[in-house]
PDB file of all heavy atoms in Angstrom:
ATOM      1  N   CYS A   1      65.661 110.900 101.111  1.00  0.00           N
ATOM      2  CA  CYS A   1      67.036 110.451 101.165  1.00  0.00           C
ATOM      3  C   CYS A   1      67.232 109.318 102.145  1.00  0.00           C
ATOM      4  O   CYS A   1      66.783 109.387 103.275  1.00  0.00           O
ATOM      5  CB  CYS A   1      67.912 111.628 101.577  1.00  0.00           C
ATOM      6  SG  CYS A   1      69.602 111.120 101.791  1.00  0.00           S
ATOM      7  N   GLN A   2      67.919 108.274 101.686  1.00  0.00           N
ATOM      8  CA  GLN A   2      68.320 107.242 102.635  1.00  0.00           C
ATOM      9  C   GLN A   2      69.820 107.379 102.856  1.00  0.00           C
ATOM     10  O   GLN A   2      70.535 107.960 102.047  1.00  0.00           O
ATOM     11  CB  GLN A   2      67.941 105.846 102.131  1.00  0.00           C
ATOM     12  CG  GLN A   2      68.331 105.555 100.721  1.00  0.00           C
ATOM     13  CD  GLN A   2      68.059 104.112 100.306  1.00  0.00           C
ATOM     14  OE1 GLN A   2      68.006 103.809  99.139  1.00  0.00           O
ATOM     15  NE2 GLN A   2      67.903 103.204 101.237  1.00  0.00           N
ATOM     16  N   ARG A   3      70.287 106.855 103.970  1.00  0.00           N
ATOM     17  CA  ARG A   3      71.722 106.857 104.247  1.00  0.00           C
ATOM     18  C   ARG A   3      72.199 105.425 104.180  1.00  0.00           C
ATOM     19  O   ARG A   3      71.544 104.526 104.712  1.00  0.00           O
ATOM     20  CB  ARG A   3      71.985 107.397 105.647  1.00  0.00           C
ATOM     21  CG  ARG A   3      71.543 108.817 105.856  1.00  0.00           C
ATOM     22  CD  ARG A   3      71.853 109.238 107.278  1.00  0.00           C
ATOM     23  NE  ARG A   3      73.240 109.680 107.389  1.00  0.00           N
ATOM     24  CZ  ARG A   3      73.607 110.963 107.344  1.00  0.00           C
ATOM     25  NH1 ARG A   3      72.701 111.891 107.200  1.00  0.00           N
ATOM     26  NH2 ARG A   3      74.866 111.304 107.439  1.00  0.00           N
ATOM     27  N   LEU A   4      73.320 105.202 103.527  1.00  0.00           N
ATOM     28  CA  LEU A   4      73.884 103.865 103.453  1.00  0.00           C
ATOM     29  C   LEU A   4      75.360 103.901 103.815  1.00  0.00           C
ATOM     30  O   LEU A   4      76.038 104.903 103.584  1.00  0.00           O
ATOM     31  CB  LEU A   4      73.751 103.301 102.030  1.00  0.00           C
ATOM     32  CG  LEU A   4      72.375 102.829 101.558  1.00  0.00           C
ATOM     33  CD1 LEU A   4      72.486 102.304 100.142  1.00  0.00           C
ATOM     34  CD2 LEU A   4      71.821 101.743 102.472  1.00  0.00           C
ATOM     35  N   SER A   5      75.847 102.793 104.348  1.00  0.00           N
ATOM     36  CA  SER A   5      77.278 102.662 104.607  1.00  0.00           C
ATOM     37  C   SER A   5      78.011 102.614 103.267  1.00  0.00           C
ATOM     38  O   SER A   5      77.421 102.319 102.221  1.00  0.00           O
ATOM     39  CB  SER A   5      77.546 101.371 105.369  1.00  0.00           C
ATOM     40  OG  SER A   5      77.300 100.263 104.515  1.00  0.00           O
ATOM     41  N   CYS A   6      79.299 102.849 103.318  1.00  0.00           N
ATOM     42  CA  CYS A   6      80.114 102.772 102.097  1.00  0.00           C
ATOM     43  C   CYS A   6      80.053 101.385 101.489  1.00  0.00           C
ATOM     44  O   CYS A   6      79.990 101.249 100.266  1.00  0.00           O
ATOM     45  CB  CYS A   6      81.563 103.116 102.428  1.00  0.00           C
ATOM     46  SG  CYS A   6      81.783 104.849 102.799  1.00  0.00           S
ATOM     47  N   ALA A   7      80.066 100.349 102.330  1.00  0.00           N
ATOM     48  CA  ALA A   7      80.046  98.975 101.805  1.00  0.00           C
ATOM     49  C   ALA A   7      78.760  98.719 101.021  1.00  0.00           C
ATOM     50  O   ALA A   7      78.786  98.148  99.931  1.00  0.00           O
ATOM     51  CB  ALA A   7      80.198  97.978 102.944  1.00  0.00           C
ATOM     52  N   ALA A   8      77.620  99.161 101.574  1.00  0.00           N
ATOM     53  CA  ALA A   8      76.333  98.970 100.896  1.00  0.00           C
ATOM     54  C   ALA A   8      76.285  99.805  99.613  1.00  0.00           C
ATOM     55  O   ALA A   8      75.783  99.355  98.579  1.00  0.00           O
ATOM     56  CB  ALA A   8      75.191  99.346 101.832  1.00  0.00           C
ATOM     57  N   ALA A   9      76.816 101.024  99.674  1.00  0.00           N
ATOM     58  CA  ALA A   9      76.844 101.896  98.498  1.00  0.00           C
ATOM     59  C   ALA A   9      77.727 101.286  97.407  1.00  0.00           C
ATOM     60  O   ALA A   9      77.383 101.319  96.224  1.00  0.00           O
ATOM     61  CB  ALA A   9      77.357 103.284  98.881  1.00  0.00           C
ATOM     62  N   ALA A  10      78.854 100.701  97.815  1.00  0.00           N
ATOM     63  CA  ALA A  10      79.776 100.095  96.851  1.00  0.00           C
ATOM     64  C   ALA A  10      79.104  98.935  96.122  1.00  0.00           C
ATOM     65  O   ALA A  10      79.275  98.764  94.915  1.00  0.00           O
ATOM     66  CB  ALA A  10      81.034  99.609  97.570  1.00  0.00           C
ATOM     67  N   GLU A  11      78.312  98.162  96.855  1.00  0.00           N
ATOM     68  CA  GLU A  11      77.596  97.041  96.245  1.00  0.00           C
ATOM     69  C   GLU A  11      76.588  97.529  95.212  1.00  0.00           C
ATOM     70  O   GLU A  11      76.475  96.969  94.121  1.00  0.00           O
ATOM     71  CB  GLU A  11      76.847  96.247  97.324  1.00  0.00           C
ATOM     72  CG  GLU A  11      77.538  94.968  97.716  1.00  0.00           C
ATOM     73  CD  GLU A  11      76.821  94.247  98.833  1.00  0.00           C
ATOM     74  OE1 GLU A  11      75.605  93.972  98.698  1.00  0.00           O
ATOM     75  OE2 GLU A  11      77.469  93.964  99.845  1.00  0.00           O
ATOM     76  N   LEU A  12      75.842  98.564  95.585  1.00  0.00           N
ATOM     77  CA  LEU A  12      74.847  99.127  94.663  1.00  0.00           C
ATOM     78  C   LEU A  12      75.521  99.662  93.402  1.00  0.00           C
ATOM     79  O   LEU A  12      75.050  99.448  92.289  1.00  0.00           O
ATOM     80  CB  LEU A  12      74.092 100.279  95.331  1.00  0.00           C
ATOM     81  CG  LEU A  12      72.831  99.948  96.113  1.00  0.00           C
ATOM     82  CD1 LEU A  12      72.271 101.230  96.711  1.00  0.00           C
ATOM     83  CD2 LEU A  12      71.782  99.308  95.206  1.00  0.00           C
ATOM     84  N   ALA A  13      76.627 100.376  93.582  1.00  0.00           N
ATOM     85  CA  ALA A  13      77.332 100.962  92.438  1.00  0.00           C
ATOM     86  C   ALA A  13      77.895  99.862  91.543  1.00  0.00           C
ATOM     87  O   ALA A  13      77.782  99.929  90.316  1.00  0.00           O
ATOM     88  CB  ALA A  13      78.445 101.886  92.930  1.00  0.00           C
ATOM     89  N   ALA A  14      78.480  98.840  92.160  1.00  0.00           N
ATOM     90  CA  ALA A  14      79.093  97.755  91.381  1.00  0.00           C
ATOM     91  C   ALA A  14      78.048  96.970  90.593  1.00  0.00           C
ATOM     92  O   ALA A  14      78.305  96.490  89.499  1.00  0.00           O
ATOM     93  CB  ALA A  14      79.876  96.825  92.312  1.00  0.00           C
ATOM     94  N   SER A  15      76.835  96.883  91.151  1.00  0.00           N
ATOM     95  CA  SER A  15      75.767  96.118  90.486  1.00  0.00           C
ATOM     96  C   SER A  15      75.158  96.903  89.321  1.00  0.00           C
ATOM     97  O   SER A  15      74.392  96.371  88.537  1.00  0.00           O
ATOM     98  CB  SER A  15      74.655  95.801  91.486  1.00  0.00           C
ATOM     99  OG  SER A  15      73.906  96.975  91.766  1.00  0.00           O
ATOM    100  N   GLY A  16      75.469  98.191  89.262  1.00  0.00           N
ATOM    101  CA  GLY A  16      74.901  99.032  88.213  1.00  0.00           C
ATOM    102  C   GLY A  16      73.536  99.589  88.578  1.00  0.00           C
ATOM    103  O   GLY A  16      72.905 100.277  87.788  1.00  0.00           O
ATOM    104  N   ALA A  17      73.083  99.301  89.806  1.00  0.00           N
ATOM    105  CA  ALA A  17      71.756  99.767  90.236  1.00  0.00           C
ATOM    106  C   ALA A  17      71.758 101.244  90.599  1.00  0.00           C
ATOM    107  O   ALA A  17      70.716 101.882  90.631  1.00  0.00           O
ATOM    108  CB  ALA A  17      71.285  98.944  91.436  1.00  0.00           C
ATOM    109  N   ALA A  18      72.928 101.796  90.863  1.00  0.00           N
ATOM    110  CA  ALA A  18      73.007 103.194  91.272  1.00  0.00           C
ATOM    111  C   ALA A  18      74.302 103.799  90.760  1.00  0.00           C
ATOM    112  O   ALA A  18      75.268 103.089  90.489  1.00  0.00           O
ATOM    113  CB  ALA A  18      72.943 103.306  92.788  1.00  0.00           C
ATOM    114  N   ARG A  19      74.298 105.116  90.631  1.00  0.00           N
ATOM    115  CA  ARG A  19      75.488 105.831  90.173  1.00  0.00           C
ATOM    116  C   ARG A  19      76.034 106.669  91.317  1.00  0.00           C
ATOM    117  O   ARG A  19      75.278 107.301  92.049  1.00  0.00           O
ATOM    118  CB  ARG A  19      75.104 106.732  88.993  1.00  0.00           C
ATOM    119  CG  ARG A  19      76.307 107.338  88.306  1.00  0.00           C
ATOM    120  CD  ARG A  19      76.046 107.612  86.838  1.00  0.00           C
ATOM    121  NE  ARG A  19      74.811 108.351  86.567  1.00  0.00           N
ATOM    122  CZ  ARG A  19      74.765 109.354  85.697  1.00  0.00           C
ATOM    123  NH1 ARG A  19      75.842 109.723  85.036  1.00  0.00           N
ATOM    124  NH2 ARG A  19      73.632 109.978  85.451  1.00  0.00           N
ATOM    125  N   TYR A  20      77.349 106.667  91.471  1.00  0.00           N
ATOM    126  CA  TYR A  20      77.992 107.428  92.547  1.00  0.00           C
ATOM    127  C   TYR A  20      78.354 108.814  92.024  1.00  0.00           C
ATOM    128  O   TYR A  20      79.053 108.946  91.022  1.00  0.00           O
ATOM    129  CB  TYR A  20      79.247 106.691  93.026  1.00  0.00           C
ATOM    130  CG  TYR A  20      79.839 107.206  94.321  1.00  0.00           C
ATOM    131  CD1 TYR A  20      79.720 106.471  95.497  1.00  0.00           C
ATOM    132  CD2 TYR A  20      80.526 108.413  94.368  1.00  0.00           C
ATOM    133  CE1 TYR A  20      80.273 106.924  96.691  1.00  0.00           C
ATOM    134  CE2 TYR A  20      81.078 108.882  95.563  1.00  0.00           C
ATOM    135  CZ  TYR A  20      80.951 108.129  96.717  1.00  0.00           C
ATOM    136  OH  TYR A  20      81.495 108.584  97.898  1.00  0.00           O
ATOM    137  N   VAL A  21      77.851 109.836  92.705  1.00  0.00           N
ATOM    138  CA  VAL A  21      78.197 111.212  92.351  1.00  0.00           C
ATOM    139  C   VAL A  21      79.017 111.796  93.494  1.00  0.00           C
ATOM    140  O   VAL A  21      78.551 111.876  94.632  1.00  0.00           O
ATOM    141  CB  VAL A  21      76.953 112.086  92.109  1.00  0.00           C
ATOM    142  CG1 VAL A  21      77.370 113.471  91.612  1.00  0.00           C
ATOM    143  CG2 VAL A  21      76.015 111.429  91.093  1.00  0.00           C
ATOM    144  N   ASP A  22      80.239 112.180  93.184  1.00  0.00           N
ATOM    145  CA  ASP A  22      81.172 112.718  94.165  1.00  0.00           C
ATOM    146  C   ASP A  22      81.040 114.240  94.148  1.00  0.00           C
ATOM    147  O   ASP A  22      81.254 114.865  93.114  1.00  0.00           O
ATOM    148  CB  ASP A  22      82.583 112.283  93.746  1.00  0.00           C
ATOM    149  CG  ASP A  22      83.639 112.524  94.807  1.00  0.00           C
ATOM    150  OD1 ASP A  22      83.579 113.577  95.468  1.00  0.00           O
ATOM    151  OD2 ASP A  22      84.538 111.673  94.943  1.00  0.00           O
ATOM    152  N   VAL A  23      80.688 114.836  95.287  1.00  0.00           N
ATOM    153  CA  VAL A  23      80.465 116.286  95.320  1.00  0.00           C
ATOM    154  C   VAL A  23      81.663 117.053  95.902  1.00  0.00           C
ATOM    155  O   VAL A  23      81.570 118.237  96.205  1.00  0.00           O
ATOM    156  CB  VAL A  23      79.152 116.664  96.063  1.00  0.00           C
ATOM    157  CG1 VAL A  23      77.943 116.098  95.338  1.00  0.00           C
ATOM    158  CG2 VAL A  23      79.166 116.207  97.519  1.00  0.00           C
ATOM    159  N   ARG A  24      82.803 116.359  96.013  1.00  0.00           N
ATOM    160  CA  ARG A  24      84.022 117.034  96.472  1.00  0.00           C
ATOM    161  C   ARG A  24      84.579 117.941  95.365  1.00  0.00           C
ATOM    162  O   ARG A  24      84.093 117.939  94.238  1.00  0.00           O
ATOM    163  CB  ARG A  24      85.083 115.998  96.878  1.00  0.00           C
ATOM    164  CG  ARG A  24      84.684 115.144  98.073  1.00  0.00           C
ATOM    165  CD  ARG A  24      85.746 114.083  98.355  1.00  0.00           C
ATOM    166  NE  ARG A  24      85.946 113.229  97.179  1.00  0.00           N
ATOM    167  CZ  ARG A  24      87.083 112.599  96.909  1.00  0.00           C
ATOM    168  NH1 ARG A  24      88.127 112.703  97.707  1.00  0.00           N
ATOM    169  NH2 ARG A  24      87.177 111.835  95.822  1.00  0.00           N
ATOM    170  N   THR A  25      85.636 118.679  95.678  1.00  0.00           N
ATOM    171  CA  THR A  25      86.247 119.559  94.679  1.00  0.00           C
ATOM    172  C   THR A  25      86.935 118.730  93.591  1.00  0.00           C
ATOM    173  O   THR A  25      87.314 117.578  93.832  1.00  0.00           O
ATOM    174  CB  THR A  25      87.316 120.486  95.317  1.00  0.00           C
ATOM    175  OG1 THR A  25      88.393 119.675  95.799  1.00  0.00           O
ATOM    176  CG2 THR A  25      86.732 121.312  96.464  1.00  0.00           C
ATOM    177  N   PRO A  26      87.134 119.319  92.409  1.00  0.00           N
ATOM    178  CA  PRO A  26      87.852 118.604  91.346  1.00  0.00           C
ATOM    179  C   PRO A  26      89.246 118.163  91.783  1.00  0.00           C
ATOM    180  O   PRO A  26      89.726 117.106  91.371  1.00  0.00           O
ATOM    181  CB  PRO A  26      87.921 119.627  90.204  1.00  0.00           C
ATOM    182  CG  PRO A  26      86.756 120.533  90.440  1.00  0.00           C
ATOM    183  CD  PRO A  26      86.599 120.618  91.939  1.00  0.00           C
ATOM    184  N   GLU A  27      89.893 118.972  92.638  1.00  0.00           N
ATOM    185  CA  GLU A  27      91.233 118.624  93.120  1.00  0.00           C
ATOM    186  C   GLU A  27      91.183 117.355  93.973  1.00  0.00           C
ATOM    187  O   GLU A  27      92.008 116.449  93.828  1.00  0.00           O
ATOM    188  CB  GLU A  27      91.829 119.779  93.942  1.00  0.00           C
ATOM    189  CG  GLU A  27      92.091 121.052  93.143  1.00  0.00           C
ATOM    190  CD  GLU A  27      90.875 121.966  92.952  1.00  0.00           C
ATOM    191  OE1 GLU A  27      89.763 121.643  93.432  1.00  0.00           O
ATOM    192  OE2 GLU A  27      91.043 123.016  92.316  1.00  0.00           O
ATOM    193  N   GLU A  28      90.209 117.293  94.889  1.00  0.00           N
ATOM    194  CA  GLU A  28      90.059 116.109  95.737  1.00  0.00           C
ATOM    195  C   GLU A  28      89.744 114.887  94.870  1.00  0.00           C
ATOM    196  O   GLU A  28      90.297 113.803  95.076  1.00  0.00           O
ATOM    197  CB  GLU A  28      88.910 116.305  96.736  1.00  0.00           C
ATOM    198  CG  GLU A  28      89.214 117.292  97.848  1.00  0.00           C
ATOM    199  CD  GLU A  28      87.967 117.591  98.679  1.00  0.00           C
ATOM    200  OE1 GLU A  28      86.989 118.162  98.136  1.00  0.00           O
ATOM    201  OE2 GLU A  28      87.965 117.239  99.864  1.00  0.00           O
ATOM    202  N   PHE A  29      88.856 115.074  93.912  1.00  0.00           N
ATOM    203  CA  PHE A  29      88.434 113.979  93.029  1.00  0.00           C
ATOM    204  C   PHE A  29      89.638 113.424  92.261  1.00  0.00           C
ATOM    205  O   PHE A  29      89.803 112.216  92.114  1.00  0.00           O
ATOM    206  CB  PHE A  29      87.366 114.492  92.066  1.00  0.00           C
ATOM    207  CG  PHE A  29      86.710 113.427  91.223  1.00  0.00           C
ATOM    208  CD1 PHE A  29      85.711 112.624  91.749  1.00  0.00           C
ATOM    209  CD2 PHE A  29      87.085 113.235  89.894  1.00  0.00           C
ATOM    210  CE1 PHE A  29      85.085 111.645  90.965  1.00  0.00           C
ATOM    211  CE2 PHE A  29      86.463 112.263  89.102  1.00  0.00           C
ATOM    212  CZ  PHE A  29      85.470 111.467  89.651  1.00  0.00           C
TER     213      PHE A  29
END
């Protein structure tokens, strides 16, 4: 596992290189 800042994660997700999986509750989501 690597740790990334939100800004770096947002870039990866926007580029299509990675998928964001939210593990919060359905209500929070």
